[in-house]
Structure formats: structure tokens, C-alpha cells
Amino acid sequence: MIGNFRRCFEWLMEHEGGFVNHPNDPGGMTNWGVTKATYERFIWRDVTEAEMRSLTQDDVRPIYRQIYWDKVRGDDLPAGVDWCVFDFAVNAGVSRAIKTLQAASGSAVDGVIGPNTLLAVERNDPEALIFSYSTMRQAYYESLTNLFRTFGRGWTRRVEETREQAMHLAQR
């Protein structure tokens, strides 16, 4: 929903925290949830570990706006649904987040949010869609057997927190 990016970004920063470089994380070096590869693509050059460590929320905000929020058409989604899709896009990729939204809303699954997807989303009760989306998101994480052993507890907590926050937005 137009105007929700700021609040959703704040919640995202609570999930993402600061610098990490976990050996089992396929994203590798990450700060504020932005991987080194994503940051390098965004600024069109290679970066050092020191640069990655020094990233601030102000540095990553435009990345989240352009690469994630705008790609999932956050301003066009109902309040709450926008947060679920945005958070999953950041954590699992834009395409997967969109395809999950399409499946949950009963739209054709093609990975692109167009008028048909938005119409399908609009035909759903936002709270029911949030619940369905969250359930599908959790199932995806659980399907990642090897990674789920390492990151499952955190992913599950994140799905639950995001669902609760999204329900709050939807009820406003």
C-alpha cells in the first residue's frame, strides 16, 4: 500500500540486523540484509569487506526500495500483504516472493505482478491472504532441508513475526 514502505523498512531492519558472514549462508558477506553481490550490482563496482562492514541503514534503504519493494509492487498491494511479500522477497528472492503471492491469491504463476495478479490479490480477503502466504512461505523454508537445520528457527520466528505485523497493518 502506498505509504507503507517506511514502516516495512523499519521492521525489515529489525529482522536483518548488522554485518554477518555465516559460512553456511549462500548469500555470503551481508550487512543490513544486503549481500556483497547485491551491493556491488547496485553501485556498479566491487567492494571490500571494510566497505560492507560500514554500510548504514541509509545506504541500504534505496536498494530495498528499488530492488525489492518496487519490484514486488509494494505500493499496489493491500496493507499487510505488502509487508509479507516484501520481507519474503528480501529473504528468498523477488521471483519466489511473487510466485508465492500468485499461488496464494489464485493467480496464474508467472513471476510477474501485472494487472491479473493485482486483480486476483484484490479478490482475496487480505487477512486470509496473509495467512495463506505465510503458510506457503514456511513450507518453502522447511523444504530447504539442509539449510533449515541451521537457519530454521530464525526463519520460523521471522515468518511468525511478519505474519503478526502484517495482520496488524491489514486491520488498520
C-alpha atoms as a PDB file:
ATOM      1  CA  MET A   1       0.000   0.000   0.000  1.00  0.00           C
ATOM      2  CA  ILE A   2       1.283   3.456  -0.825  1.00  0.00           C
ATOM      3  CA  GLY A   3       2.922   4.886   2.254  1.00  0.00           C
ATOM      4  CA  ASN A   4       3.838   1.597   3.946  1.00  0.00           C
ATOM      5  CA  PHE A   5       7.426   1.343   2.707  1.00  0.00           C
ATOM      6  CA  ARG A   6       8.842   3.367   5.586  1.00  0.00           C
ATOM      7  CA  ARG A   7       7.227   1.204   8.290  1.00  0.00           C
ATOM      8  CA  CYS A   8       8.033  -2.024   6.449  1.00  0.00           C
ATOM      9  CA  PHE A   9      11.661  -0.928   6.050  1.00  0.00           C
ATOM     10  CA  GLU A  10      11.888  -0.312   9.815  1.00  0.00           C
ATOM     11  CA  TRP A  11      10.553  -3.798  10.518  1.00  0.00           C
ATOM     12  CA  LEU A  12      12.915  -5.250   7.950  1.00  0.00           C
ATOM     13  CA  MET A  13      15.883  -3.662   9.671  1.00  0.00           C
ATOM     14  CA  GLU A  14      14.810  -5.372  12.911  1.00  0.00           C
ATOM     15  CA  HIS A  15      14.958  -8.714  11.075  1.00  0.00           C
ATOM     16  CA  GLU A  16      18.175  -8.077   9.228  1.00  0.00           C
ATOM     17  CA  GLY A  17      20.472  -6.626  11.881  1.00  0.00           C
ATOM     18  CA  GLY A  18      24.074  -5.805  11.047  1.00  0.00           C
ATOM     19  CA  PHE A  19      27.114  -7.461   9.473  1.00  0.00           C
ATOM     20  CA  VAL A  20      27.256 -11.268   9.148  1.00  0.00           C
ATOM     21  CA  ASN A  21      29.328 -13.697   7.144  1.00  0.00           C
ATOM     22  CA  HIS A  22      27.997 -17.133   8.133  1.00  0.00           C
ATOM     23  CA  PRO A  23      29.825 -19.985   6.389  1.00  0.00           C
ATOM     24  CA  ASN A  24      26.555 -21.846   5.686  1.00  0.00           C
ATOM     25  CA  ASP A  25      24.729 -18.827   4.262  1.00  0.00           C
ATOM     26  CA  PRO A  26      24.747 -18.964   0.454  1.00  0.00           C
ATOM     27  CA  GLY A  27      24.418 -15.155   0.430  1.00  0.00           C
ATOM     28  CA  GLY A  28      27.872 -14.800   1.943  1.00  0.00           C
ATOM     29  CA  MET A  29      29.002 -11.470   3.349  1.00  0.00           C
ATOM     30  CA  THR A  30      25.920  -9.443   4.287  1.00  0.00           C
ATOM     31  CA  ASN A  31      25.160  -6.212   6.130  1.00  0.00           C
ATOM     32  CA  TRP A  32      21.667  -4.982   6.961  1.00  0.00           C
ATOM     33  CA  GLY A  33      20.448  -7.918   4.856  1.00  0.00           C
ATOM     34  CA  VAL A  34      22.191  -6.741   1.682  1.00  0.00           C
ATOM     35  CA  THR A  35      24.654  -9.252   0.269  1.00  0.00           C
ATOM     36  CA  LYS A  36      28.002  -8.180  -1.093  1.00  0.00           C
ATOM     37  CA  ALA A  37      26.920  -9.284  -4.587  1.00  0.00           C
ATOM     38  CA  THR A  38      23.711  -7.224  -4.414  1.00  0.00           C
ATOM     39  CA  TYR A  39      25.546  -4.156  -3.163  1.00  0.00           C
ATOM     40  CA  GLU A  40      28.175  -4.462  -5.896  1.00  0.00           C
ATOM     41  CA  ARG A  41      25.487  -4.737  -8.585  1.00  0.00           C
ATOM     42  CA  PHE A  42      23.710  -1.721  -7.138  1.00  0.00           C
ATOM     43  CA  ILE A  43      26.766   0.561  -7.073  1.00  0.00           C
ATOM     44  CA  TRP A  44      28.396  -0.928 -10.204  1.00  0.00           C
ATOM     45  CA  ARG A  45      31.764  -1.829  -8.651  1.00  0.00           C
ATOM     46  CA  ASP A  46      33.493  -4.304  -6.356  1.00  0.00           C
ATOM     47  CA  VAL A  47      33.560  -3.562  -2.632  1.00  0.00           C
ATOM     48  CA  THR A  48      35.811  -4.587   0.221  1.00  0.00           C
ATOM     49  CA  GLU A  49      34.844  -6.248   3.472  1.00  0.00           C
ATOM     50  CA  ALA A  50      35.529  -2.939   5.222  1.00  0.00           C
ATOM     51  CA  GLU A  51      33.000  -1.203   2.969  1.00  0.00           C
ATOM     52  CA  MET A  52      30.454  -3.929   3.651  1.00  0.00           C
ATOM     53  CA  ARG A  53      31.004  -3.594   7.384  1.00  0.00           C
ATOM     54  CA  SER A  54      30.489   0.180   7.232  1.00  0.00           C
ATOM     55  CA  LEU A  55      27.092   0.118   5.472  1.00  0.00           C
ATOM     56  CA  THR A  56      24.332   2.036   7.222  1.00  0.00           C
ATOM     57  CA  GLN A  57      20.559   1.802   7.012  1.00  0.00           C
ATOM     58  CA  ASP A  58      20.618   4.975   4.923  1.00  0.00           C
ATOM     59  CA  ASP A  59      22.973   3.226   2.477  1.00  0.00           C
ATOM     60  CA  VAL A  60      20.692   0.223   2.018  1.00  0.00           C
ATOM     61  CA  ARG A  61      17.281   1.963   2.023  1.00  0.00           C
ATOM     62  CA  PRO A  62      17.369   2.820  -1.720  1.00  0.00           C
ATOM     63  CA  ILE A  63      18.417  -0.751  -2.503  1.00  0.00           C
ATOM     64  CA  TYR A  64      15.406  -2.115  -0.661  1.00  0.00           C
ATOM     65  CA  ARG A  65      13.120   0.417  -2.303  1.00  0.00           C
ATOM     66  CA  GLN A  66      14.277  -0.180  -5.876  1.00  0.00           C
ATOM     67  CA  ILE A  67      15.300  -3.833  -5.938  1.00  0.00           C
ATOM     68  CA  TYR A  68      12.648  -5.287  -3.649  1.00  0.00           C
ATOM     69  CA  TRP A  69       9.692  -3.037  -2.766  1.00  0.00           C
ATOM     70  CA  ASP A  70       9.215  -1.600  -6.247  1.00  0.00           C
ATOM     71  CA  LYS A  71       9.770  -4.999  -7.944  1.00  0.00           C
ATOM     72  CA  VAL A  72       7.022  -6.635  -5.858  1.00  0.00           C
ATOM     73  CA  ARG A  73       4.832  -3.558  -6.418  1.00  0.00           C
ATOM     74  CA  GLY A  74       4.513  -2.928  -2.700  1.00  0.00           C
ATOM     75  CA  ASP A  75       2.641   0.337  -3.270  1.00  0.00           C
ATOM     76  CA  ASP A  76      -0.040  -1.574  -5.210  1.00  0.00           C
ATOM     77  CA  LEU A  77      -0.602  -4.367  -2.678  1.00  0.00           C
ATOM     78  CA  PRO A  78      -3.035  -4.240   0.244  1.00  0.00           C
ATOM     79  CA  ALA A  79      -1.675  -3.212   3.634  1.00  0.00           C
ATOM     80  CA  GLY A  80      -0.135  -6.224   5.332  1.00  0.00           C
ATOM     81  CA  VAL A  81       0.167  -8.220   2.137  1.00  0.00           C
ATOM     82  CA  ASP A  82       2.779  -5.682   1.036  1.00  0.00           C
ATOM     83  CA  TRP A  83       4.872  -6.421   4.130  1.00  0.00           C
ATOM     84  CA  CYS A  84       4.671 -10.219   3.745  1.00  0.00           C
ATOM     85  CA  VAL A  85       5.714 -10.130   0.099  1.00  0.00           C
ATOM     86  CA  PHE A  86       8.454  -7.533   0.650  1.00  0.00           C
ATOM     87  CA  ASP A  87      10.022  -9.429   3.553  1.00  0.00           C
ATOM     88  CA  PHE A  88       9.975 -12.739   1.679  1.00  0.00           C
ATOM     89  CA  ALA A  89      11.452 -11.085  -1.430  1.00  0.00           C
ATOM     90  CA  VAL A  90      14.366  -9.858   0.646  1.00  0.00           C
ATOM     91  CA  ASN A  91      14.901 -13.230   2.284  1.00  0.00           C
ATOM     92  CA  ALA A  92      14.266 -15.618  -0.635  1.00  0.00           C
ATOM     93  CA  GLY A  93      14.260 -13.547  -3.820  1.00  0.00           C
ATOM     94  CA  VAL A  94      11.795 -11.359  -5.682  1.00  0.00           C
ATOM     95  CA  SER A  95      10.700 -14.068  -8.116  1.00  0.00           C
ATOM     96  CA  ARG A  96       9.925 -16.601  -5.384  1.00  0.00           C
ATOM     97  CA  ALA A  97       8.016 -13.974  -3.367  1.00  0.00           C
ATOM     98  CA  ILE A  98       5.912 -13.014  -6.386  1.00  0.00           C
ATOM     99  CA  LYS A  99       5.225 -16.624  -7.378  1.00  0.00           C
ATOM    100  CA  THR A 100       4.151 -17.372  -3.808  1.00  0.00           C
ATOM    101  CA  LEU A 101       1.792 -14.383  -3.881  1.00  0.00           C
ATOM    102  CA  GLN A 102       0.347 -15.581  -7.173  1.00  0.00           C
ATOM    103  CA  ALA A 103      -0.185 -19.108  -5.862  1.00  0.00           C
ATOM    104  CA  ALA A 104      -1.718 -17.873  -2.608  1.00  0.00           C
ATOM    105  CA  SER A 105      -4.071 -15.489  -4.419  1.00  0.00           C
ATOM    106  CA  GLY A 106      -5.182 -17.930  -7.112  1.00  0.00           C
ATOM    107  CA  SER A 107      -3.467 -16.062  -9.930  1.00  0.00           C
ATOM    108  CA  ALA A 108      -1.517 -17.640 -12.763  1.00  0.00           C
ATOM    109  CA  VAL A 109       2.024 -18.218 -11.531  1.00  0.00           C
ATOM    110  CA  ASP A 110       4.469 -16.494 -13.866  1.00  0.00           C
ATOM    111  CA  GLY A 111       6.680 -14.463 -11.521  1.00  0.00           C
ATOM    112  CA  VAL A 112       5.489 -11.061 -12.773  1.00  0.00           C
ATOM    113  CA  ILE A 113       2.992  -8.861 -10.960  1.00  0.00           C
ATOM    114  CA  GLY A 114       0.710  -7.442 -13.599  1.00  0.00           C
ATOM    115  CA  PRO A 115      -2.965  -6.488 -13.746  1.00  0.00           C
ATOM    116  CA  ASN A 116      -4.187 -10.097 -13.468  1.00  0.00           C
ATOM    117  CA  THR A 117      -2.163 -10.736 -10.331  1.00  0.00           C
ATOM    118  CA  LEU A 118      -3.328  -7.481  -8.762  1.00  0.00           C
ATOM    119  CA  LEU A 119      -6.935  -8.372  -9.588  1.00  0.00           C
ATOM    120  CA  ALA A 120      -6.529 -11.816  -8.011  1.00  0.00           C
ATOM    121  CA  VAL A 121      -4.969 -10.241  -4.909  1.00  0.00           C
ATOM    122  CA  GLU A 122      -7.824  -7.722  -4.702  1.00  0.00           C
ATOM    123  CA  ARG A 123     -10.388 -10.553  -4.798  1.00  0.00           C
ATOM    124  CA  ASN A 124      -8.893 -12.097  -1.655  1.00  0.00           C
ATOM    125  CA  ASP A 125      -9.532 -11.060   1.912  1.00  0.00           C
ATOM    126  CA  PRO A 126      -6.194  -9.510   2.968  1.00  0.00           C
ATOM    127  CA  GLU A 127      -6.052 -11.346   6.294  1.00  0.00           C
ATOM    128  CA  ALA A 128      -6.800 -14.722   4.675  1.00  0.00           C
ATOM    129  CA  LEU A 129      -4.171 -13.990   2.018  1.00  0.00           C
ATOM    130  CA  ILE A 130      -1.593 -13.087   4.680  1.00  0.00           C
ATOM    131  CA  PHE A 131      -2.274 -16.369   6.482  1.00  0.00           C
ATOM    132  CA  SER A 132      -2.081 -18.438   3.284  1.00  0.00           C
ATOM    133  CA  TYR A 133       1.056 -16.630   2.123  1.00  0.00           C
ATOM    134  CA  SER A 134       2.774 -17.154   5.472  1.00  0.00           C
ATOM    135  CA  THR A 135       1.901 -20.852   5.444  1.00  0.00           C
ATOM    136  CA  MET A 136       3.374 -21.256   1.961  1.00  0.00           C
ATOM    137  CA  ARG A 137       6.465 -19.317   2.976  1.00  0.00           C
ATOM    138  CA  GLN A 138       7.052 -21.582   5.970  1.00  0.00           C
ATOM    139  CA  ALA A 139       6.611 -24.665   3.767  1.00  0.00           C
ATOM    140  CA  TYR A 140       9.241 -23.326   1.378  1.00  0.00           C
ATOM    141  CA  TYR A 141      11.753 -22.877   4.191  1.00  0.00           C
ATOM    142  CA  GLU A 142      11.055 -26.351   5.536  1.00  0.00           C
ATOM    143  CA  SER A 143      11.713 -27.789   2.062  1.00  0.00           C
ATOM    144  CA  LEU A 144      15.294 -26.492   2.299  1.00  0.00           C
ATOM    145  CA  THR A 145      16.264 -29.426   4.482  1.00  0.00           C
ATOM    146  CA  ASN A 146      19.978 -28.781   4.927  1.00  0.00           C
ATOM    147  CA  LEU A 147      19.629 -25.017   5.391  1.00  0.00           C
ATOM    148  CA  PHE A 148      16.564 -25.400   7.607  1.00  0.00           C
ATOM    149  CA  ARG A 149      18.669 -27.310  10.145  1.00  0.00           C
ATOM    150  CA  THR A 150      20.896 -24.250  10.514  1.00  0.00           C
ATOM    151  CA  PHE A 151      18.517 -21.344   9.920  1.00  0.00           C
ATOM    152  CA  GLY A 152      15.064 -22.871  10.527  1.00  0.00           C
ATOM    153  CA  ARG A 153      14.453 -21.473  13.987  1.00  0.00           C
ATOM    154  CA  GLY A 154      15.210 -17.929  12.804  1.00  0.00           C
ATOM    155  CA  TRP A 155      13.179 -18.306   9.611  1.00  0.00           C
ATOM    156  CA  THR A 156      10.199 -19.654  11.541  1.00  0.00           C
ATOM    157  CA  ARG A 157      10.382 -16.763  14.016  1.00  0.00           C
ATOM    158  CA  ARG A 158      10.612 -14.332  11.104  1.00  0.00           C
ATOM    159  CA  VAL A 159       7.549 -15.813   9.375  1.00  0.00           C
ATOM    160  CA  GLU A 160       5.548 -15.600  12.611  1.00  0.00           C
ATOM    161  CA  GLU A 161       6.615 -12.026  13.375  1.00  0.00           C
ATOM    162  CA  THR A 162       5.969 -10.892   9.818  1.00  0.00           C
ATOM    163  CA  ARG A 163       2.510 -12.505   9.820  1.00  0.00           C
ATOM    164  CA  GLU A 164       1.586 -10.814  13.115  1.00  0.00           C
ATOM    165  CA  GLN A 165       2.822  -7.416  11.919  1.00  0.00           C
ATOM    166  CA  ALA A 166       1.067  -7.868   8.576  1.00  0.00           C
ATOM    167  CA  MET A 167      -2.227  -8.719  10.305  1.00  0.00           C
ATOM    168  CA  HIS A 168      -1.862  -5.532  12.345  1.00  0.00           C
ATOM    169  CA  LEU A 169      -1.381  -3.478   9.171  1.00  0.00           C
ATOM    170  CA  ALA A 170      -4.330  -5.177   7.478  1.00  0.00           C
ATOM    171  CA  GLN A 171      -6.637  -4.359  10.399  1.00  0.00           C
ATOM    172  CA  ARG A 172      -5.889  -0.613  10.383  1.00  0.00           C
END
